[in-house]
């Protein structure tokens, strides 16, 4: 039950915000500031005590340079903490060779121990890489930054990953919480505030910081790029060709003809290599081009529909929303450069 529901002042919930050298300072400091903001931006209604006690924790107390080389101060070592109610691992920056397991055995063991005592485990963006080492997410649903989704799936194949989702709450007691790409830490923090301090408190904090829930999901942000490392030269040749000719009439028939394979063989090999049917692949290429034109031009939706290969604007609109989660006009409002920014560019 939330504090809003009880209407009483109780001991604040202890939150351990984990700092490791791979962590991104913006996420860590953002989570810290927002969850500690109740004394600065108190929600409406009767005065309440601070609902959270947020501390930056790590292997050792003291200064710690993060991924960007900006130092922060670890306030408490994990050896000093016998119990905590919420653990949050902020975004981490992966090296070029991905996530290397086994670098933080003490931290992983401590997270497991705290979870056994009832701690809620949370990750922002790529923080799930560290939490997944505990094995507690095996067989569970989670999300991660879509740019790291393939790497995560290869590193932790037992975790069901959903990079298009903003927030995933799983576990038998809803005690595993993950947020997706980058700034979805806003959604994570607002969720935790709503869960433990009430909806009114979450709304008040959202207004104070101008935070927004990503209610449309992350599909609008994901750029489609078909795999190129599958090793099938005929399929790769078809990909190269359709990349420059996606707007042609009857694209599937043209791809098959260009490949020199039979229709049945081409469809089988294409789907096996890319995990997506040839027709769906063409549709995704067309939608990506439409997204670029919506972002960068003032062309009408009907004109863009025709230019990317669809003669029926109504069909294009339905397909666009199915793929991105937004209607074309809504997508343009979300992602096109604002007028004030364009004015600044023109003045320079």
C-alpha atoms as a PDB file:
ATOM      1  CA  UNK A   1       0.000   0.000   0.000  1.00  0.00           C
ATOM      2  CA  UNK A   2       1.346   3.445  -0.907  1.00  0.00           C
ATOM      3  CA  UNK A   3       2.016   6.191   1.602  1.00  0.00           C
ATOM      4  CA  UNK A   4      -0.726   8.239  -0.038  1.00  0.00           C
ATOM      5  CA  UNK A   5      -3.200   5.487   0.829  1.00  0.00           C
ATOM      6  CA  UNK A   6      -2.066   5.183   4.436  1.00  0.00           C
ATOM      7  CA  UNK A   7      -1.823   8.921   5.021  1.00  0.00           C
ATOM      8  CA  UNK A   8       0.877   8.370   7.636  1.00  0.00           C
ATOM      9  CA  UNK A   9       4.512   9.291   7.976  1.00  0.00           C
ATOM     10  CA  UNK A  10       6.669   6.178   8.160  1.00  0.00           C
ATOM     11  CA  UNK A  11      10.320   5.295   7.828  1.00  0.00           C
ATOM     12  CA  UNK A  12      11.586   6.187   4.361  1.00  0.00           C
ATOM     13  CA  UNK A  13      12.200   3.385   1.889  1.00  0.00           C
ATOM     14  CA  UNK A  14      15.905   2.739   1.478  1.00  0.00           C
ATOM     15  CA  UNK A  15      17.038   2.924  -2.152  1.00  0.00           C
ATOM     16  CA  UNK A  16      20.488   1.718  -3.196  1.00  0.00           C
ATOM     17  CA  UNK A  17      21.589   3.443  -6.393  1.00  0.00           C
ATOM     18  CA  UNK A  18      24.466   1.321  -7.667  1.00  0.00           C
ATOM     19  CA  UNK A  19      27.587   3.030  -9.034  1.00  0.00           C
ATOM     20  CA  UNK A  20      30.142   1.121 -11.081  1.00  0.00           C
ATOM     21  CA  UNK A  21      32.844   2.509 -13.401  1.00  0.00           C
ATOM     22  CA  UNK A  22      30.657   1.645 -16.418  1.00  0.00           C
ATOM     23  CA  UNK A  23      27.736   3.789 -15.196  1.00  0.00           C
ATOM     24  CA  UNK A  24      26.447   6.849 -17.071  1.00  0.00           C
ATOM     25  CA  UNK A  25      26.476   9.947 -14.873  1.00  0.00           C
ATOM     26  CA  UNK A  26      23.337  11.565 -16.332  1.00  0.00           C
ATOM     27  CA  UNK A  27      21.084   8.636 -15.446  1.00  0.00           C
ATOM     28  CA  UNK A  28      22.605   8.113 -12.026  1.00  0.00           C
ATOM     29  CA  UNK A  29      22.387  11.781 -11.038  1.00  0.00           C
ATOM     30  CA  UNK A  30      18.928  12.166 -12.581  1.00  0.00           C
ATOM     31  CA  UNK A  31      17.473   9.261 -10.618  1.00  0.00           C
ATOM     32  CA  UNK A  32      19.157  10.544  -7.460  1.00  0.00           C
ATOM     33  CA  UNK A  33      17.814  14.083  -7.841  1.00  0.00           C
ATOM     34  CA  UNK A  34      14.235  13.167  -8.736  1.00  0.00           C
ATOM     35  CA  UNK A  35      13.803  10.581  -5.991  1.00  0.00           C
ATOM     36  CA  UNK A  36      15.220  13.037  -3.458  1.00  0.00           C
ATOM     37  CA  UNK A  37      13.080  15.936  -4.682  1.00  0.00           C
ATOM     38  CA  UNK A  38      10.194  15.732  -2.214  1.00  0.00           C
ATOM     39  CA  UNK A  39      11.704  18.297   0.133  1.00  0.00           C
ATOM     40  CA  UNK A  40      12.195  20.738  -2.775  1.00  0.00           C
ATOM     41  CA  UNK A  41       8.979  20.006  -4.696  1.00  0.00           C
ATOM     42  CA  UNK A  42       6.547  18.590  -2.130  1.00  0.00           C
ATOM     43  CA  UNK A  43       3.352  17.118  -3.589  1.00  0.00           C
ATOM     44  CA  UNK A  44       0.044  18.798  -2.702  1.00  0.00           C
ATOM     45  CA  UNK A  45      -1.864  17.869   0.429  1.00  0.00           C
ATOM     46  CA  UNK A  46      -0.790  17.335   4.036  1.00  0.00           C
ATOM     47  CA  UNK A  47       2.913  17.528   4.723  1.00  0.00           C
ATOM     48  CA  UNK A  48       4.625  14.183   4.391  1.00  0.00           C
ATOM     49  CA  UNK A  49       8.099  12.990   5.217  1.00  0.00           C
ATOM     50  CA  UNK A  50      10.575  12.144   2.462  1.00  0.00           C
ATOM     51  CA  UNK A  51       9.328   8.750   1.142  1.00  0.00           C
ATOM     52  CA  UNK A  52      12.776   7.594  -0.035  1.00  0.00           C
ATOM     53  CA  UNK A  53      16.249   7.538   1.415  1.00  0.00           C
ATOM     54  CA  UNK A  54      18.412   7.324  -1.694  1.00  0.00           C
ATOM     55  CA  UNK A  55      22.080   6.505  -1.358  1.00  0.00           C
ATOM     56  CA  UNK A  56      24.746   5.963  -3.979  1.00  0.00           C
ATOM     57  CA  UNK A  57      26.367   2.628  -3.164  1.00  0.00           C
ATOM     58  CA  UNK A  58      29.261   0.664  -4.602  1.00  0.00           C
ATOM     59  CA  UNK A  59      32.080  -1.712  -3.838  1.00  0.00           C
ATOM     60  CA  UNK A  60      33.907   0.969  -1.846  1.00  0.00           C
ATOM     61  CA  UNK A  61      32.940   4.347  -0.429  1.00  0.00           C
ATOM     62  CA  UNK A  62      34.669   7.401  -1.871  1.00  0.00           C
ATOM     63  CA  UNK A  63      35.306   9.030  -5.250  1.00  0.00           C
ATOM     64  CA  UNK A  64      34.547   6.958  -8.347  1.00  0.00           C
ATOM     65  CA  UNK A  65      35.069   8.087 -11.979  1.00  0.00           C
ATOM     66  CA  UNK A  66      32.171   6.939 -14.150  1.00  0.00           C
ATOM     67  CA  UNK A  67      32.137   6.008 -17.850  1.00  0.00           C
ATOM     68  CA  UNK A  68      32.482   9.621 -18.974  1.00  0.00           C
ATOM     69  CA  UNK A  69      35.338  10.117 -16.463  1.00  0.00           C
ATOM     70  CA  UNK A  70      33.173  12.437 -14.385  1.00  0.00           C
ATOM     71  CA  UNK A  71      33.714  11.481 -10.727  1.00  0.00           C
ATOM     72  CA  UNK A  72      30.908  10.934  -8.248  1.00  0.00           C
ATOM     73  CA  UNK A  73      31.047  10.034  -4.577  1.00  0.00           C
ATOM     74  CA  UNK A  74      29.975   6.571  -3.467  1.00  0.00           C
ATOM     75  CA  UNK A  75      28.286   7.263  -0.147  1.00  0.00           C
ATOM     76  CA  UNK A  76      28.281   3.734   1.266  1.00  0.00           C
ATOM     77  CA  UNK A  77      29.976   0.475   0.426  1.00  0.00           C
ATOM     78  CA  UNK A  78      27.760  -2.559  -0.063  1.00  0.00           C
ATOM     79  CA  UNK A  79      29.570  -4.203   2.845  1.00  0.00           C
ATOM     80  CA  UNK A  80      27.907  -1.681   5.166  1.00  0.00           C
ATOM     81  CA  UNK A  81      24.371  -2.384   3.919  1.00  0.00           C
ATOM     82  CA  UNK A  82      22.598  -5.353   5.484  1.00  0.00           C
ATOM     83  CA  UNK A  83      19.173  -4.605   4.023  1.00  0.00           C
ATOM     84  CA  UNK A  84      17.771  -2.328   1.353  1.00  0.00           C
ATOM     85  CA  UNK A  85      14.322  -2.180  -0.185  1.00  0.00           C
ATOM     86  CA  UNK A  86      15.039  -0.994  -3.724  1.00  0.00           C
ATOM     87  CA  UNK A  87      18.168  -1.505  -5.821  1.00  0.00           C
ATOM     88  CA  UNK A  88      18.546   0.564  -8.995  1.00  0.00           C
ATOM     89  CA  UNK A  89      21.330  -0.023 -11.513  1.00  0.00           C
ATOM     90  CA  UNK A  90      21.538   3.030 -13.809  1.00  0.00           C
ATOM     91  CA  UNK A  91      22.511   3.069 -17.478  1.00  0.00           C
ATOM     92  CA  UNK A  92      25.917   1.662 -18.271  1.00  0.00           C
ATOM     93  CA  UNK A  93      28.135   2.259 -21.290  1.00  0.00           C
ATOM     94  CA  UNK A  94      29.169  -0.946 -22.996  1.00  0.00           C
ATOM     95  CA  UNK A  95      32.637  -1.355 -24.450  1.00  0.00           C
ATOM     96  CA  UNK A  96      33.083  -2.204 -28.121  1.00  0.00           C
ATOM     97  CA  UNK A  97      33.322  -5.910 -27.269  1.00  0.00           C
ATOM     98  CA  UNK A  98      30.101  -5.862 -25.248  1.00  0.00           C
ATOM     99  CA  UNK A  99      29.491  -6.778 -21.615  1.00  0.00           C
ATOM    100  CA  UNK A 100      32.147  -8.887 -19.934  1.00  0.00           C
ATOM    101  CA  UNK A 101      30.671 -11.160 -17.282  1.00  0.00           C
ATOM    102  CA  UNK A 102      32.328 -11.849 -13.950  1.00  0.00           C
ATOM    103  CA  UNK A 103      33.892  -8.443 -13.278  1.00  0.00           C
ATOM    104  CA  UNK A 104      31.746  -7.643 -10.232  1.00  0.00           C
ATOM    105  CA  UNK A 105      31.226 -10.933  -8.340  1.00  0.00           C
ATOM    106  CA  UNK A 106      30.851  -9.243  -4.927  1.00  0.00           C
ATOM    107  CA  UNK A 107      28.255  -6.847  -6.249  1.00  0.00           C
ATOM    108  CA  UNK A 108      26.294  -9.601  -7.997  1.00  0.00           C
ATOM    109  CA  UNK A 109      26.327 -11.725  -4.826  1.00  0.00           C
ATOM    110  CA  UNK A 110      25.156  -8.733  -2.745  1.00  0.00           C
ATOM    111  CA  UNK A 111      22.289  -7.999  -5.144  1.00  0.00           C
ATOM    112  CA  UNK A 112      21.156 -11.626  -4.925  1.00  0.00           C
ATOM    113  CA  UNK A 113      21.372 -11.508  -1.136  1.00  0.00           C
ATOM    114  CA  UNK A 114      19.326  -8.300  -0.926  1.00  0.00           C
ATOM    115  CA  UNK A 115      16.742  -9.741  -3.314  1.00  0.00           C
ATOM    116  CA  UNK A 116      16.448 -12.836  -1.129  1.00  0.00           C
ATOM    117  CA  UNK A 117      15.584 -10.450   1.718  1.00  0.00           C
ATOM    118  CA  UNK A 118      12.862  -8.800  -0.336  1.00  0.00           C
ATOM    119  CA  UNK A 119      14.602  -6.032  -2.300  1.00  0.00           C
ATOM    120  CA  UNK A 120      13.010  -4.776  -5.507  1.00  0.00           C
ATOM    121  CA  UNK A 121      15.536  -4.978  -8.376  1.00  0.00           C
ATOM    122  CA  UNK A 122      15.387  -2.199 -10.977  1.00  0.00           C
ATOM    123  CA  UNK A 123      17.467  -1.266 -13.990  1.00  0.00           C
ATOM    124  CA  UNK A 124      17.506   1.808 -16.165  1.00  0.00           C
ATOM    125  CA  UNK A 125      18.334   1.233 -19.824  1.00  0.00           C
ATOM    126  CA  UNK A 126      21.439  -0.985 -20.022  1.00  0.00           C
ATOM    127  CA  UNK A 127      21.726  -1.485 -16.253  1.00  0.00           C
ATOM    128  CA  UNK A 128      20.007  -4.834 -16.831  1.00  0.00           C
ATOM    129  CA  UNK A 129      23.370  -6.263 -17.953  1.00  0.00           C
ATOM    130  CA  UNK A 130      24.619  -6.228 -14.367  1.00  0.00           C
ATOM    131  CA  UNK A 131      21.350  -7.435 -12.859  1.00  0.00           C
ATOM    132  CA  UNK A 132      21.093 -10.301 -15.361  1.00  0.00           C
ATOM    133  CA  UNK A 133      24.334 -11.769 -13.987  1.00  0.00           C
ATOM    134  CA  UNK A 134      22.415 -12.697 -10.834  1.00  0.00           C
ATOM    135  CA  UNK A 135      20.363 -15.214 -12.818  1.00  0.00           C
ATOM    136  CA  UNK A 136      17.218 -13.805 -11.232  1.00  0.00           C
ATOM    137  CA  UNK A 137      15.911 -12.613 -14.605  1.00  0.00           C
ATOM    138  CA  UNK A 138      16.275 -16.013 -16.298  1.00  0.00           C
ATOM    139  CA  UNK A 139      12.883 -16.928 -17.729  1.00  0.00           C
ATOM    140  CA  UNK A 140      11.502 -13.472 -16.923  1.00  0.00           C
ATOM    141  CA  UNK A 141      10.525 -10.590 -19.176  1.00  0.00           C
ATOM    142  CA  UNK A 142      12.703  -7.467 -19.287  1.00  0.00           C
ATOM    143  CA  UNK A 143      13.629  -4.540 -21.498  1.00  0.00           C
ATOM    144  CA  UNK A 144      16.894  -2.867 -22.480  1.00  0.00           C
ATOM    145  CA  UNK A 145      18.051  -0.097 -24.786  1.00  0.00           C
ATOM    146  CA  UNK A 146      17.149  -1.220 -28.312  1.00  0.00           C
ATOM    147  CA  UNK A 147      20.710  -0.452 -29.429  1.00  0.00           C
ATOM    148  CA  UNK A 148      21.989  -3.135 -27.045  1.00  0.00           C
ATOM    149  CA  UNK A 149      19.190  -5.666 -27.610  1.00  0.00           C
ATOM    150  CA  UNK A 150      21.123  -8.051 -29.867  1.00  0.00           C
ATOM    151  CA  UNK A 151      24.165  -7.987 -27.610  1.00  0.00           C
ATOM    152  CA  UNK A 152      22.026  -8.623 -24.546  1.00  0.00           C
ATOM    153  CA  UNK A 153      20.159 -11.510 -26.186  1.00  0.00           C
ATOM    154  CA  UNK A 154      23.461 -13.193 -27.069  1.00  0.00           C
ATOM    155  CA  UNK A 155      24.928 -12.586 -23.607  1.00  0.00           C
ATOM    156  CA  UNK A 156      21.848 -13.597 -21.605  1.00  0.00           C
ATOM    157  CA  UNK A 157      19.733 -15.858 -23.851  1.00  0.00           C
ATOM    158  CA  UNK A 158      17.529 -17.046 -20.971  1.00  0.00           C
ATOM    159  CA  UNK A 159      16.030 -13.570 -20.426  1.00  0.00           C
ATOM    160  CA  UNK A 160      13.007 -12.674 -22.571  1.00  0.00           C
ATOM    161  CA  UNK A 161      13.925  -9.233 -23.851  1.00  0.00           C
ATOM    162  CA  UNK A 162      11.468  -6.648 -25.234  1.00  0.00           C
ATOM    163  CA  UNK A 163      13.428  -3.578 -26.411  1.00  0.00           C
ATOM    164  CA  UNK A 164      10.312  -1.901 -27.817  1.00  0.00           C
ATOM    165  CA  UNK A 165       8.738  -1.681 -24.344  1.00  0.00           C
ATOM    166  CA  UNK A 166       9.290   1.299 -22.063  1.00  0.00           C
ATOM    167  CA  UNK A 167       8.849  -0.444 -18.713  1.00  0.00           C
ATOM    168  CA  UNK A 168       8.575  -4.124 -17.836  1.00  0.00           C
ATOM    169  CA  UNK A 169       7.470  -5.291 -14.403  1.00  0.00           C
ATOM    170  CA  UNK A 170       7.943  -9.012 -13.857  1.00  0.00           C
ATOM    171  CA  UNK A 171       8.709 -11.585 -11.179  1.00  0.00           C
ATOM    172  CA  UNK A 172       6.332 -13.496  -8.932  1.00  0.00           C
ATOM    173  CA  UNK A 173       5.957 -10.488  -6.646  1.00  0.00           C
ATOM    174  CA  UNK A 174       6.467  -7.835  -9.342  1.00  0.00           C
ATOM    175  CA  UNK A 175       9.935  -7.373  -7.886  1.00  0.00           C
ATOM    176  CA  UNK A 176      11.888  -7.157 -11.153  1.00  0.00           C
ATOM    177  CA  UNK A 177      11.532  -3.796 -12.925  1.00  0.00           C
ATOM    178  CA  UNK A 178      13.382  -2.733 -16.060  1.00  0.00           C
ATOM    179  CA  UNK A 179      13.145   0.393 -18.214  1.00  0.00           C
ATOM    180  CA  UNK A 180      14.174   0.700 -21.861  1.00  0.00           C
ATOM    181  CA  UNK A 181      16.163   3.212 -23.852  1.00  0.00           C
ATOM    182  CA  UNK A 182      18.054   6.042 -22.177  1.00  0.00           C
ATOM    183  CA  UNK A 183      15.555   8.604 -20.866  1.00  0.00           C
ATOM    184  CA  UNK A 184      12.963   6.004 -19.883  1.00  0.00           C
ATOM    185  CA  UNK A 185      14.531   6.236 -16.452  1.00  0.00           C
ATOM    186  CA  UNK A 186      11.856   8.936 -16.107  1.00  0.00           C
ATOM    187  CA  UNK A 187       9.190   6.227 -16.423  1.00  0.00           C
ATOM    188  CA  UNK A 188      11.028   3.999 -13.948  1.00  0.00           C
ATOM    189  CA  UNK A 189      11.289   6.707 -11.308  1.00  0.00           C
ATOM    190  CA  UNK A 190       7.693   7.870 -11.760  1.00  0.00           C
ATOM    191  CA  UNK A 191       6.541   4.254 -11.515  1.00  0.00           C
ATOM    192  CA  UNK A 192       8.439   3.756  -8.256  1.00  0.00           C
ATOM    193  CA  UNK A 193       7.050   7.002  -6.837  1.00  0.00           C
ATOM    194  CA  UNK A 194       3.495   6.040  -7.816  1.00  0.00           C
ATOM    195  CA  UNK A 195       3.955   2.540  -6.400  1.00  0.00           C
ATOM    196  CA  UNK A 196       5.341   3.645  -3.052  1.00  0.00           C
ATOM    197  CA  UNK A 197       4.141   7.234  -2.542  1.00  0.00           C
ATOM    198  CA  UNK A 198       0.957   7.340  -4.607  1.00  0.00           C
ATOM    199  CA  UNK A 199      -0.256   8.598  -7.972  1.00  0.00           C
ATOM    200  CA  UNK A 200      -0.684  12.203  -6.826  1.00  0.00           C
ATOM    201  CA  UNK A 201       2.940  12.347  -5.712  1.00  0.00           C
ATOM    202  CA  UNK A 202       4.116  10.929  -9.055  1.00  0.00           C
ATOM    203  CA  UNK A 203       2.016  13.465 -10.964  1.00  0.00           C
ATOM    204  CA  UNK A 204       3.349  16.339  -8.867  1.00  0.00           C
ATOM    205  CA  UNK A 205       6.967  15.300  -9.399  1.00  0.00           C
ATOM    206  CA  UNK A 206       6.339  14.834 -13.132  1.00  0.00           C
ATOM    207  CA  UNK A 207       4.963  18.369 -13.357  1.00  0.00           C
ATOM    208  CA  UNK A 208       7.795  19.858 -11.333  1.00  0.00           C
ATOM    209  CA  UNK A 209      10.490  18.334 -13.539  1.00  0.00           C
ATOM    210  CA  UNK A 210       8.449  18.385 -16.791  1.00  0.00           C
ATOM    211  CA  UNK A 211       8.882  14.613 -17.018  1.00  0.00           C
ATOM    212  CA  UNK A 212       6.722  12.656 -19.449  1.00  0.00           C
ATOM    213  CA  UNK A 213       5.619   9.056 -19.517  1.00  0.00           C
ATOM    214  CA  UNK A 214       6.593   7.402 -22.800  1.00  0.00           C
ATOM    215  CA  UNK A 215       3.085   6.092 -23.287  1.00  0.00           C
ATOM    216  CA  UNK A 216       3.522   5.390 -27.002  1.00  0.00           C
ATOM    217  CA  UNK A 217       6.288   2.873 -26.351  1.00  0.00           C
ATOM    218  CA  UNK A 218       9.718   2.902 -27.962  1.00  0.00           C
ATOM    219  CA  UNK A 219       8.798   1.624 -31.425  1.00  0.00           C
ATOM    220  CA  UNK A 220       8.756   5.191 -32.853  1.00  0.00           C
ATOM    221  CA  UNK A 221      12.402   5.635 -31.810  1.00  0.00           C
ATOM    222  CA  UNK A 222      13.757   2.395 -33.234  1.00  0.00           C
ATOM    223  CA  UNK A 223      15.486   2.639 -36.603  1.00  0.00           C
ATOM    224  CA  UNK A 224      15.070  -0.538 -38.636  1.00  0.00           C
ATOM    225  CA  UNK A 225      18.298  -2.053 -39.934  1.00  0.00           C
ATOM    226  CA  UNK A 226      18.118  -5.519 -41.419  1.00  0.00           C
ATOM    227  CA  UNK A 227      20.872  -7.947 -40.451  1.00  0.00           C
ATOM    228  CA  UNK A 228      23.830  -8.069 -42.811  1.00  0.00           C
ATOM    229  CA  UNK A 229      25.959 -10.702 -41.066  1.00  0.00           C
ATOM    230  CA  UNK A 230      23.897 -13.790 -41.969  1.00  0.00           C
ATOM    231  CA  UNK A 231      26.323 -15.102 -44.621  1.00  0.00           C
ATOM    232  CA  UNK A 232      23.754 -15.776 -47.371  1.00  0.00           C
ATOM    233  CA  UNK A 233      25.157 -13.979 -50.431  1.00  0.00           C
ATOM    234  CA  UNK A 234      21.946 -14.286 -52.480  1.00  0.00           C
ATOM    235  CA  UNK A 235      19.917 -12.710 -49.699  1.00  0.00           C
ATOM    236  CA  UNK A 236      22.555 -10.035 -49.152  1.00  0.00           C
ATOM    237  CA  UNK A 237      22.442  -9.186 -52.856  1.00  0.00           C
ATOM    238  CA  UNK A 238      18.656  -8.895 -52.681  1.00  0.00           C
ATOM    239  CA  UNK A 239      18.982  -6.601 -49.652  1.00  0.00           C
ATOM    240  CA  UNK A 240      21.433  -4.362 -51.497  1.00  0.00           C
ATOM    241  CA  UNK A 241      19.132  -4.145 -54.493  1.00  0.00           C
ATOM    242  CA  UNK A 242      15.900  -3.448 -52.599  1.00  0.00           C
ATOM    243  CA  UNK A 243      17.621  -0.763 -50.500  1.00  0.00           C
ATOM    244  CA  UNK A 244      17.803   1.355 -53.642  1.00  0.00           C
ATOM    245  CA  UNK A 245      14.532   0.198 -55.221  1.00  0.00           C
ATOM    246  CA  UNK A 246      12.093  -0.272 -52.316  1.00  0.00           C
ATOM    247  CA  UNK A 247       9.458   1.994 -53.889  1.00  0.00           C
ATOM    248  CA  UNK A 248       9.055  -0.063 -57.086  1.00  0.00           C
ATOM    249  CA  UNK A 249       5.756  -1.738 -57.882  1.00  0.00           C
ATOM    250  CA  UNK A 250       5.654  -5.456 -56.986  1.00  0.00           C
ATOM    251  CA  UNK A 251       8.876  -5.317 -54.924  1.00  0.00           C
ATOM    252  CA  UNK A 252       8.700  -8.936 -53.786  1.00  0.00           C
ATOM    253  CA  UNK A 253       8.497 -10.255 -57.330  1.00  0.00           C
ATOM    254  CA  UNK A 254      11.399  -8.018 -58.351  1.00  0.00           C
ATOM    255  CA  UNK A 255      13.545  -9.225 -55.429  1.00  0.00           C
ATOM    256  CA  UNK A 256      12.903 -12.852 -56.359  1.00  0.00           C
ATOM    257  CA  UNK A 257      13.774 -12.180 -60.001  1.00  0.00           C
ATOM    258  CA  UNK A 258      16.935 -10.343 -58.992  1.00  0.00           C
ATOM    259  CA  UNK A 259      18.054 -13.189 -56.699  1.00  0.00           C
ATOM    260  CA  UNK A 260      17.840 -15.864 -59.409  1.00  0.00           C
ATOM    261  CA  UNK A 261      16.180 -18.248 -56.928  1.00  0.00           C
ATOM    262  CA  UNK A 262      12.780 -19.864 -57.061  1.00  0.00           C
ATOM    263  CA  UNK A 263      10.064 -18.063 -55.102  1.00  0.00           C
ATOM    264  CA  UNK A 264       9.826 -20.791 -52.469  1.00  0.00           C
ATOM    265  CA  UNK A 265      13.598 -21.018 -51.996  1.00  0.00           C
ATOM    266  CA  UNK A 266      14.027 -17.246 -51.834  1.00  0.00           C
ATOM    267  CA  UNK A 267      11.312 -16.746 -49.211  1.00  0.00           C
ATOM    268  CA  UNK A 268      12.689 -19.600 -47.108  1.00  0.00           C
ATOM    269  CA  UNK A 269      16.295 -18.402 -47.226  1.00  0.00           C
ATOM    270  CA  UNK A 270      15.389 -14.746 -46.710  1.00  0.00           C
ATOM    271  CA  UNK A 271      13.245 -15.466 -43.654  1.00  0.00           C
ATOM    272  CA  UNK A 272      15.870 -17.833 -42.236  1.00  0.00           C
ATOM    273  CA  UNK A 273      18.657 -15.265 -42.688  1.00  0.00           C
ATOM    274  CA  UNK A 274      16.825 -12.205 -41.376  1.00  0.00           C
ATOM    275  CA  UNK A 275      14.069 -13.533 -39.125  1.00  0.00           C
ATOM    276  CA  UNK A 276      11.508 -11.518 -41.086  1.00  0.00           C
ATOM    277  CA  UNK A 277       9.615 -12.198 -44.312  1.00  0.00           C
ATOM    278  CA  UNK A 278      10.672 -10.419 -47.526  1.00  0.00           C
ATOM    279  CA  UNK A 279       7.385  -8.490 -47.679  1.00  0.00           C
ATOM    280  CA  UNK A 280       7.733  -7.308 -44.070  1.00  0.00           C
ATOM    281  CA  UNK A 281      11.328  -6.305 -44.805  1.00  0.00           C
ATOM    282  CA  UNK A 282      10.219  -4.119 -47.719  1.00  0.00           C
ATOM    283  CA  UNK A 283       7.494  -2.561 -45.586  1.00  0.00           C
ATOM    284  CA  UNK A 284       9.995  -1.696 -42.865  1.00  0.00           C
ATOM    285  CA  UNK A 285      12.357  -0.074 -45.398  1.00  0.00           C
ATOM    286  CA  UNK A 286       9.491   1.981 -46.792  1.00  0.00           C
ATOM    287  CA  UNK A 287       8.374   3.078 -43.325  1.00  0.00           C
ATOM    288  CA  UNK A 288      11.942   4.112 -42.433  1.00  0.00           C
ATOM    289  CA  UNK A 289      12.109   6.318 -45.512  1.00  0.00           C
ATOM    290  CA  UNK A 290       8.689   7.763 -44.679  1.00  0.00           C
ATOM    291  CA  UNK A 291       9.914   8.552 -41.158  1.00  0.00           C
ATOM    292  CA  UNK A 292      12.884  10.452 -42.546  1.00  0.00           C
ATOM    293  CA  UNK A 293      10.658  12.491 -44.866  1.00  0.00           C
ATOM    294  CA  UNK A 294       8.191  13.271 -42.086  1.00  0.00           C
ATOM    295  CA  UNK A 295      11.071  14.451 -39.902  1.00  0.00           C
ATOM    296  CA  UNK A 296      12.901  16.531 -42.485  1.00  0.00           C
ATOM    297  CA  UNK A 297      10.375  17.794 -45.057  1.00  0.00           C
ATOM    298  CA  UNK A 298       7.012  19.530 -45.236  1.00  0.00           C
ATOM    299  CA  UNK A 299       5.621  17.067 -47.780  1.00  0.00           C
ATOM    300  CA  UNK A 300       2.044  15.952 -47.213  1.00  0.00           C
ATOM    301  CA  UNK A 301       1.441  12.470 -45.854  1.00  0.00           C
ATOM    302  CA  UNK A 302      -0.275  11.494 -49.115  1.00  0.00           C
ATOM    303  CA  UNK A 303       2.755  12.595 -51.139  1.00  0.00           C
ATOM    304  CA  UNK A 304       5.140  10.693 -48.873  1.00  0.00           C
ATOM    305  CA  UNK A 305       2.906   7.629 -49.148  1.00  0.00           C
ATOM    306  CA  UNK A 306       3.189   7.716 -52.941  1.00  0.00           C
ATOM    307  CA  UNK A 307       6.938   8.363 -52.954  1.00  0.00           C
ATOM    308  CA  UNK A 308       7.749   5.368 -50.740  1.00  0.00           C
ATOM    309  CA  UNK A 309       5.623   3.020 -52.839  1.00  0.00           C
ATOM    310  CA  UNK A 310       2.022   3.111 -51.617  1.00  0.00           C
ATOM    311  CA  UNK A 311      -0.744   4.305 -53.901  1.00  0.00           C
ATOM    312  CA  UNK A 312      -3.373   4.060 -51.149  1.00  0.00           C
ATOM    313  CA  UNK A 313      -2.678   6.652 -48.412  1.00  0.00           C
ATOM    314  CA  UNK A 314      -5.209   5.003 -46.102  1.00  0.00           C
ATOM    315  CA  UNK A 315      -3.277   1.715 -46.213  1.00  0.00           C
ATOM    316  CA  UNK A 316      -0.010   3.581 -45.664  1.00  0.00           C
ATOM    317  CA  UNK A 317      -1.401   5.333 -42.590  1.00  0.00           C
ATOM    318  CA  UNK A 318      -2.571   2.045 -41.075  1.00  0.00           C
ATOM    319  CA  UNK A 319       0.751   0.351 -41.767  1.00  0.00           C
ATOM    320  CA  UNK A 320       2.743   3.292 -40.409  1.00  0.00           C
ATOM    321  CA  UNK A 321       0.830   3.255 -37.123  1.00  0.00           C
ATOM    322  CA  UNK A 322       1.112  -0.520 -36.816  1.00  0.00           C
ATOM    323  CA  UNK A 323       4.898  -0.345 -37.195  1.00  0.00           C
ATOM    324  CA  UNK A 324       5.689   2.805 -35.202  1.00  0.00           C
ATOM    325  CA  UNK A 325       2.777   3.054 -32.794  1.00  0.00           C
ATOM    326  CA  UNK A 326       2.011   6.584 -34.032  1.00  0.00           C
ATOM    327  CA  UNK A 327      -0.013   8.014 -36.885  1.00  0.00           C
ATOM    328  CA  UNK A 328       2.149   9.834 -39.470  1.00  0.00           C
ATOM    329  CA  UNK A 329       0.976  13.287 -38.359  1.00  0.00           C
ATOM    330  CA  UNK A 330       1.643  12.466 -34.706  1.00  0.00           C
ATOM    331  CA  UNK A 331       5.082  11.127 -35.633  1.00  0.00           C
ATOM    332  CA  UNK A 332       5.895  14.361 -37.451  1.00  0.00           C
ATOM    333  CA  UNK A 333       4.878  16.432 -34.401  1.00  0.00           C
ATOM    334  CA  UNK A 334       7.051  14.261 -32.155  1.00  0.00           C
ATOM    335  CA  UNK A 335      10.237  14.116 -34.231  1.00  0.00           C
ATOM    336  CA  UNK A 336      10.416  17.031 -36.654  1.00  0.00           C
ATOM    337  CA  UNK A 337      12.693  19.938 -35.765  1.00  0.00           C
ATOM    338  CA  UNK A 338      10.668  22.643 -33.945  1.00  0.00           C
ATOM    339  CA  UNK A 339      10.108  25.958 -35.684  1.00  0.00           C
ATOM    340  CA  UNK A 340      12.192  27.856 -33.128  1.00  0.00           C
ATOM    341  CA  UNK A 341      15.184  25.587 -33.819  1.00  0.00           C
ATOM    342  CA  UNK A 342      14.776  25.991 -37.568  1.00  0.00           C
ATOM    343  CA  UNK A 343      14.632  29.783 -37.098  1.00  0.00           C
ATOM    344  CA  UNK A 344      17.919  29.657 -35.196  1.00  0.00           C
ATOM    345  CA  UNK A 345      19.533  27.664 -37.996  1.00  0.00           C
ATOM    346  CA  UNK A 346      18.328  30.087 -40.629  1.00  0.00           C
ATOM    347  CA  UNK A 347      19.601  33.121 -38.681  1.00  0.00           C
ATOM    348  CA  UNK A 348      23.074  31.601 -38.469  1.00  0.00           C
END
